Amino acid sequence: MKRIFSNREIVLGVTGSIAAYKACPTCYADCDHSASLTINDFICFQTKFALLDPYSDCDGNGTRNVNDFICFQTTFALGCP
């Protein structure tokens, strides 16, 4: 079973009789989860920023400001694996 929480994908599974989970790497810059980086990812990020979505705290400092835009642009420029 897969669930996506903010920018992290969590895969739930069963190991014997114990439930286990592991975080699967995703590409932060792929905001719209389209598997490609486009202008839509910028629009997605801006929308999440305006709605105060936790995803838009790119630098993880608990506040949303211009540094989050710079962080997002940097991750976008670095691309996805």
Protein backbone atom coordinates (compact mmCIF):
# COMPACT_ATOMS: atom_id res chain seq x y z
CA MET A 1 0.00 0.00 0.00
CA LYS A 2 1.38 3.43 -0.94
CA ARG A 3 0.48 6.77 0.58
CA ILE A 4 1.91 10.15 -0.33
CA PHE A 5 2.33 12.58 2.53
CA SER A 6 3.47 16.05 1.52
CA ASN A 7 6.64 15.38 -0.48
CA ARG A 8 7.34 11.89 0.86
CA GLU A 9 5.96 8.63 -0.40
CA ILE A 10 5.51 5.99 2.26
CA VAL A 11 5.22 2.33 1.35
CA LEU A 12 3.52 0.18 3.96
CA GLY A 13 4.15 -3.53 4.01
CA VAL A 14 4.08 -6.50 6.30
CA THR A 15 7.16 -8.35 7.53
CA GLY A 16 5.98 -11.54 9.19
CA SER A 17 3.33 -10.33 11.58
CA ILE A 18 4.91 -6.89 12.09
CA ALA A 19 3.87 -3.95 9.95
CA ALA A 20 6.86 -2.06 8.55
CA TYR A 21 7.32 1.05 6.47
CA LYS A 22 10.07 2.64 4.48
CA ALA A 23 10.31 6.07 2.96
CA CYS A 24 10.79 6.01 -0.79
CA PRO A 25 12.75 8.83 -2.35
CA THR A 26 10.75 11.20 -4.47
CA CYS A 27 11.76 14.30 -6.35
CA TYR A 28 10.82 17.36 -4.28
CA ALA A 29 10.85 19.64 -7.34
CA ASP A 30 8.20 17.47 -9.05
CA CYS A 31 5.45 19.23 -7.11
CA ASP A 32 2.62 17.99 -9.32
CA HIS A 33 3.93 14.37 -9.31
CA SER A 34 3.92 14.21 -13.12
CA ALA A 35 7.33 12.48 -13.29
CA SER A 36 8.76 15.42 -15.25
CA LEU A 37 9.84 18.94 -14.35
CA THR A 38 7.82 21.65 -16.09
CA ILE A 39 6.42 25.12 -15.46
CA ASN A 40 3.47 23.35 -13.86
CA ASP A 41 5.73 22.45 -10.93
CA PHE A 42 6.39 26.16 -10.33
CA ILE A 43 2.66 26.88 -10.44
CA CYS A 44 2.04 23.96 -8.09
CA PHE A 45 4.66 25.26 -5.64
CA GLN A 46 3.24 28.80 -5.76
CA THR A 47 -0.26 27.47 -5.09
CA LYS A 48 0.92 25.38 -2.15
CA PHE A 49 2.84 28.41 -0.83
CA ALA A 50 -0.24 30.63 -1.04
CA LEU A 51 -2.33 27.99 0.75
CA LEU A 52 0.33 27.62 3.49
CA ASP A 53 0.72 23.93 2.63
CA PRO A 54 3.56 22.35 4.65
CA TYR A 55 5.12 21.19 1.34
CA SER A 56 6.00 24.81 0.54
CA ASP A 57 8.44 25.02 3.47
CA CYS A 58 11.23 23.88 1.16
CA ASP A 59 14.09 24.73 3.52
CA GLY A 60 12.33 23.09 6.46
CA ASN A 61 12.74 25.99 8.90
CA GLY A 62 9.06 26.20 9.86
CA THR A 63 8.35 29.49 8.08
CA ARG A 64 7.49 30.39 4.52
CA ASN A 65 9.40 33.21 2.88
CA VAL A 66 11.51 34.07 -0.18
CA ASN A 67 14.11 31.51 0.91
CA ASP A 68 11.59 28.76 0.16
CA PHE A 69 11.31 30.01 -3.43
CA ILE A 70 15.09 30.02 -3.76
CA CYS A 71 15.22 26.52 -2.28
CA PHE A 72 12.57 25.28 -4.71
CA GLN A 73 14.35 26.86 -7.71
CA THR A 74 17.59 25.22 -6.62
CA THR A 75 16.03 21.78 -6.29
CA PHE A 76 14.32 22.28 -9.66
CA ALA A 77 17.62 23.26 -11.30
CA LEU A 78 19.34 20.18 -9.85
CA GLY A 79 16.70 18.00 -11.49
CA CYS A 80 15.38 14.61 -10.52
CA PRO A 81 17.27 11.34 -10.45
